[in-house]
C-alpha atoms as a PDB file:
ATOM      1  CA  MET A   1       3.236  -3.709  -6.767  1.00  0.00           C
ATOM      2  CA  ILE A   2       5.232  -3.879  -9.948  1.00  0.00           C
ATOM      3  CA  ILE A   3       8.200  -1.636 -10.679  1.00  0.00           C
ATOM      4  CA  ASP A   4       9.902  -1.300 -14.009  1.00  0.00           C
ATOM      5  CA  MET A   5      13.710  -1.509 -14.111  1.00  0.00           C
ATOM      6  CA  ASP A   6      16.054  -2.356 -16.957  1.00  0.00           C
ATOM      7  CA  PHE A   7      18.518  -4.993 -15.744  1.00  0.00           C
ATOM      8  CA  ARG A   8      20.297  -5.164 -19.139  1.00  0.00           C
ATOM      9  CA  ASP A   9      22.156  -1.857 -18.542  1.00  0.00           C
ATOM     10  CA  SER A  10      25.537  -1.826 -16.837  1.00  0.00           C
ATOM     11  CA  LYS A  11      24.011   0.475 -14.167  1.00  0.00           C
ATOM     12  CA  LEU A  12      20.667   0.173 -12.398  1.00  0.00           C
ATOM     13  CA  TYR A  13      18.838   3.494 -12.288  1.00  0.00           C
ATOM     14  CA  LEU A  14      16.707   3.771  -9.176  1.00  0.00           C
ATOM     15  CA  SER A  15      14.195   6.517  -8.479  1.00  0.00           C
ATOM     16  CA  LYS A  16      11.198   6.921  -6.181  1.00  0.00           C
ATOM     17  CA  SER A  17       9.182   7.822  -9.286  1.00  0.00           C
ATOM     18  CA  ILE A  18       9.010   4.120 -10.210  1.00  0.00           C
ATOM     19  CA  ILE A  19       6.872   3.538  -7.101  1.00  0.00           C
ATOM     20  CA  THR A  20       3.467   4.761  -8.203  1.00  0.00           C
ATOM     21  CA  HIS A  21       0.557   2.645  -7.011  1.00  0.00           C
ATOM     22  CA  TRP A  22      -0.592  -0.587  -5.464  1.00  0.00           C
ATOM     23  CA  ASP A  23      -1.843  -3.410  -7.620  1.00  0.00           C
ATOM     24  CA  ALA A  24      -5.083  -5.356  -7.109  1.00  0.00           C
ATOM     25  CA  PRO A  25      -6.597  -6.001  -4.678  1.00  0.00           C
ATOM     26  CA  TYR A  26      -5.069  -2.942  -2.924  1.00  0.00           C
ATOM     27  CA  GLU A  27      -5.334  -0.386  -5.749  1.00  0.00           C
ATOM     28  CA  SER A  28      -7.898   1.703  -3.844  1.00  0.00           C
ATOM     29  CA  GLU A  29      -5.539   2.233  -0.922  1.00  0.00           C
ATOM     30  CA  ASP A  30      -3.413   5.345  -0.560  1.00  0.00           C
ATOM     31  CA  LEU A  31       0.311   5.163  -1.106  1.00  0.00           C
ATOM     32  CA  PRO A  32       1.597   7.875   1.235  1.00  0.00           C
ATOM     33  CA  GLU A  33       5.082   9.360   0.887  1.00  0.00           C
ATOM     34  CA  GLU A  34       6.303   7.553   4.032  1.00  0.00           C
ATOM     35  CA  LYS A  35       5.304   4.201   2.545  1.00  0.00           C
ATOM     36  CA  ARG A  36       6.991   5.049  -0.795  1.00  0.00           C
ATOM     37  CA  ASP A  37      10.154   5.931   1.133  1.00  0.00           C
ATOM     38  CA  GLU A  38      10.016   2.606   2.954  1.00  0.00           C
ATOM     39  CA  ILE A  39       9.491   0.640  -0.260  1.00  0.00           C
ATOM     40  CA  TYR A  40      12.321   2.582  -1.977  1.00  0.00           C
ATOM     41  CA  ARG A  41      14.745   1.815   0.858  1.00  0.00           C
ATOM     42  CA  TYR A  42      13.788  -1.855   0.757  1.00  0.00           C
ATOM     43  CA  ILE A  43      14.337  -2.065  -2.998  1.00  0.00           C
ATOM     44  CA  LYS A  44      17.619  -0.148  -2.787  1.00  0.00           C
ATOM     45  CA  GLU A  45      18.957  -2.418   0.012  1.00  0.00           C
ATOM     46  CA  HIS A  46      18.027  -5.544  -1.959  1.00  0.00           C
ATOM     47  CA  LEU A  47      19.650  -4.253  -5.157  1.00  0.00           C
ATOM     48  CA  ILE A  48      22.861  -3.336  -3.321  1.00  0.00           C
ATOM     49  CA  LYS A  49      23.050  -6.800  -1.744  1.00  0.00           C
ATOM     50  CA  LYS A  50      22.405  -8.448  -5.095  1.00  0.00           C
ATOM     51  CA  PHE A  51      24.505  -6.242  -7.451  1.00  0.00           C
ATOM     52  CA  GLY A  52      26.724  -4.051  -5.298  1.00  0.00           C
ATOM     53  CA  GLN A  53      26.623  -0.301  -4.509  1.00  0.00           C
ATOM     54  CA  GLU A  54      28.702   0.641  -7.576  1.00  0.00           C
ATOM     55  CA  LYS A  55      25.994  -0.601  -9.967  1.00  0.00           C
ATOM     56  CA  ILE A  56      23.175   1.476  -8.378  1.00  0.00           C
ATOM     57  CA  VAL A  57      22.546   5.020  -9.645  1.00  0.00           C
ATOM     58  CA  GLU A  58      20.012   7.018  -7.690  1.00  0.00           C
ATOM     59  CA  GLU A  59      18.055   9.608  -9.650  1.00  0.00           C
END
């Protein structure tokens, strides 16, 4: 899975809408809402550890 985020901005804008689909070889598998939520939480936790809560803006 590849997500697109701009790390040049002073804030990191995070939204579940950036989690859209699996990449090969898993592209034919469903991406249910529960899994998107899990991936989102994982990304958010990682970004907070790396950059701090104040830099993350949830959309």
